[in-house]
Amino acid sequence: MEEIEIMSWLTLDAVKKKAEVVETVGNLQTGHSMSVFCIIEDDYLELCYSDSAANYLRRYEDKDEFEAAIDER
């Protein structure tokens, strides 16, 4: 897994717009964070939006690691 910090929700939104969203976990209106799990070609990604900590983008190595992260959330 690789992770990079993203400063803007607009950047995360741009990635999400081009991706196939698999699942969304959390809600920014009722909590402090939301993870959007999505796929772009062969890349398995988690876009983490937060209103109380750093935002980040995670790239998982394969489908198994990706699905394990969804189950963990």
C-alpha atoms as a PDB file:
ATOM      1  CA  MET A   1       0.000   0.000   0.000  1.00  0.00           C
ATOM      2  CA  GLU A   2       1.157   3.482  -0.850  1.00  0.00           C
ATOM      3  CA  GLU A   3      -0.257   6.648   0.706  1.00  0.00           C
ATOM      4  CA  ILE A   4       0.051  10.319  -0.166  1.00  0.00           C
ATOM      5  CA  GLU A   5      -1.415  13.324   1.607  1.00  0.00           C
ATOM      6  CA  ILE A   6      -3.826  15.410  -0.452  1.00  0.00           C
ATOM      7  CA  MET A   7      -4.395  19.029   0.541  1.00  0.00           C
ATOM      8  CA  SER A   8      -7.675  19.672  -1.267  1.00  0.00           C
ATOM      9  CA  TRP A   9     -11.029  17.925  -1.438  1.00  0.00           C
ATOM     10  CA  LEU A  10     -11.216  19.209  -5.020  1.00  0.00           C
ATOM     11  CA  THR A  11      -8.271  16.990  -5.944  1.00  0.00           C
ATOM     12  CA  LEU A  12      -9.966  13.969  -4.373  1.00  0.00           C
ATOM     13  CA  ASP A  13     -13.203  14.872  -6.178  1.00  0.00           C
ATOM     14  CA  ALA A  14     -11.373  14.997  -9.518  1.00  0.00           C
ATOM     15  CA  VAL A  15      -9.955  11.499  -8.984  1.00  0.00           C
ATOM     16  CA  LYS A  16     -13.353  10.202  -7.854  1.00  0.00           C
ATOM     17  CA  LYS A  17     -15.022  11.640 -10.949  1.00  0.00           C
ATOM     18  CA  LYS A  18     -12.798   9.502 -13.209  1.00  0.00           C
ATOM     19  CA  ALA A  19     -13.086   6.329 -11.110  1.00  0.00           C
ATOM     20  CA  GLU A  20     -15.539   3.485 -10.692  1.00  0.00           C
ATOM     21  CA  VAL A  21     -16.767   3.850  -7.089  1.00  0.00           C
ATOM     22  CA  VAL A  22     -17.053   0.488  -5.322  1.00  0.00           C
ATOM     23  CA  GLU A  23     -18.069   1.572  -1.821  1.00  0.00           C
ATOM     24  CA  THR A  24     -18.303   4.639   0.418  1.00  0.00           C
ATOM     25  CA  VAL A  25     -17.716   4.298   4.152  1.00  0.00           C
ATOM     26  CA  GLY A  26     -18.527   7.102   6.577  1.00  0.00           C
ATOM     27  CA  ASN A  27     -20.231  10.437   6.139  1.00  0.00           C
ATOM     28  CA  LEU A  28     -18.848  13.936   6.562  1.00  0.00           C
ATOM     29  CA  GLN A  29     -22.219  15.281   7.674  1.00  0.00           C
ATOM     30  CA  THR A  30     -22.531  12.884  10.617  1.00  0.00           C
ATOM     31  CA  GLY A  31     -18.858  12.111  11.285  1.00  0.00           C
ATOM     32  CA  HIS A  32     -15.392  13.495  10.703  1.00  0.00           C
ATOM     33  CA  SER A  33     -14.259  11.319   7.808  1.00  0.00           C
ATOM     34  CA  MET A  34     -15.366   9.452   4.709  1.00  0.00           C
ATOM     35  CA  SER A  35     -13.512   6.848   2.653  1.00  0.00           C
ATOM     36  CA  VAL A  36     -14.370   6.276  -0.982  1.00  0.00           C
ATOM     37  CA  PHE A  37     -13.065   3.004  -2.381  1.00  0.00           C
ATOM     38  CA  CYS A  38     -12.703   3.078  -6.143  1.00  0.00           C
ATOM     39  CA  ILE A  39     -10.961   1.572  -9.140  1.00  0.00           C
ATOM     40  CA  ILE A  40      -9.242   3.279 -12.066  1.00  0.00           C
ATOM     41  CA  GLU A  41      -8.048   0.748 -14.644  1.00  0.00           C
ATOM     42  CA  ASP A  42      -5.781  -1.594 -12.618  1.00  0.00           C
ATOM     43  CA  ASP A  43      -5.403   0.721  -9.617  1.00  0.00           C
ATOM     44  CA  TYR A  44      -7.340   0.074  -6.394  1.00  0.00           C
ATOM     45  CA  LEU A  45      -7.698   3.351  -4.499  1.00  0.00           C
ATOM     46  CA  GLU A  46      -9.086   4.726  -1.257  1.00  0.00           C
ATOM     47  CA  LEU A  47      -9.855   8.438  -1.164  1.00  0.00           C
ATOM     48  CA  CYS A  48     -10.077   9.627   2.428  1.00  0.00           C
ATOM     49  CA  TYR A  49     -11.866  12.904   3.078  1.00  0.00           C
ATOM     50  CA  SER A  50     -11.492  14.361   6.563  1.00  0.00           C
ATOM     51  CA  ASP A  51     -12.614  17.565   8.229  1.00  0.00           C
ATOM     52  CA  SER A  52     -10.405  17.051  11.291  1.00  0.00           C
ATOM     53  CA  ALA A  53      -7.166  15.479   9.951  1.00  0.00           C
ATOM     54  CA  ALA A  54      -5.151  15.179   6.748  1.00  0.00           C
ATOM     55  CA  ASN A  55      -6.842  13.950   3.579  1.00  0.00           C
ATOM     56  CA  TYR A  56      -5.072  11.171   1.727  1.00  0.00           C
ATOM     57  CA  LEU A  57      -5.124   8.847  -1.231  1.00  0.00           C
ATOM     58  CA  ARG A  58      -4.126   5.215  -0.728  1.00  0.00           C
ATOM     59  CA  ARG A  59      -3.227   2.842  -3.535  1.00  0.00           C
ATOM     60  CA  TYR A  60      -3.508  -0.864  -2.761  1.00  0.00           C
ATOM     61  CA  GLU A  61      -1.254  -3.477  -4.350  1.00  0.00           C
ATOM     62  CA  ASP A  62      -4.009  -5.841  -5.448  1.00  0.00           C
ATOM     63  CA  LYS A  63      -7.706  -6.650  -5.227  1.00  0.00           C
ATOM     64  CA  ASP A  64      -7.293  -8.800  -2.080  1.00  0.00           C
ATOM     65  CA  GLU A  65      -5.593  -5.985  -0.124  1.00  0.00           C
ATOM     66  CA  PHE A  66      -8.256  -3.569  -1.396  1.00  0.00           C
ATOM     67  CA  GLU A  67     -11.161  -5.791  -0.291  1.00  0.00           C
ATOM     68  CA  ALA A  68      -9.528  -6.378   3.122  1.00  0.00           C
ATOM     69  CA  ALA A  69      -9.337  -2.591   3.642  1.00  0.00           C
ATOM     70  CA  ILE A  70     -13.056  -2.236   2.790  1.00  0.00           C
ATOM     71  CA  ASP A  71     -13.933  -4.966   5.298  1.00  0.00           C
ATOM     72  CA  GLU A  72     -11.741  -3.310   7.961  1.00  0.00           C
ATOM     73  CA  ARG A  73     -13.504   0.053   7.613  1.00  0.00           C
END
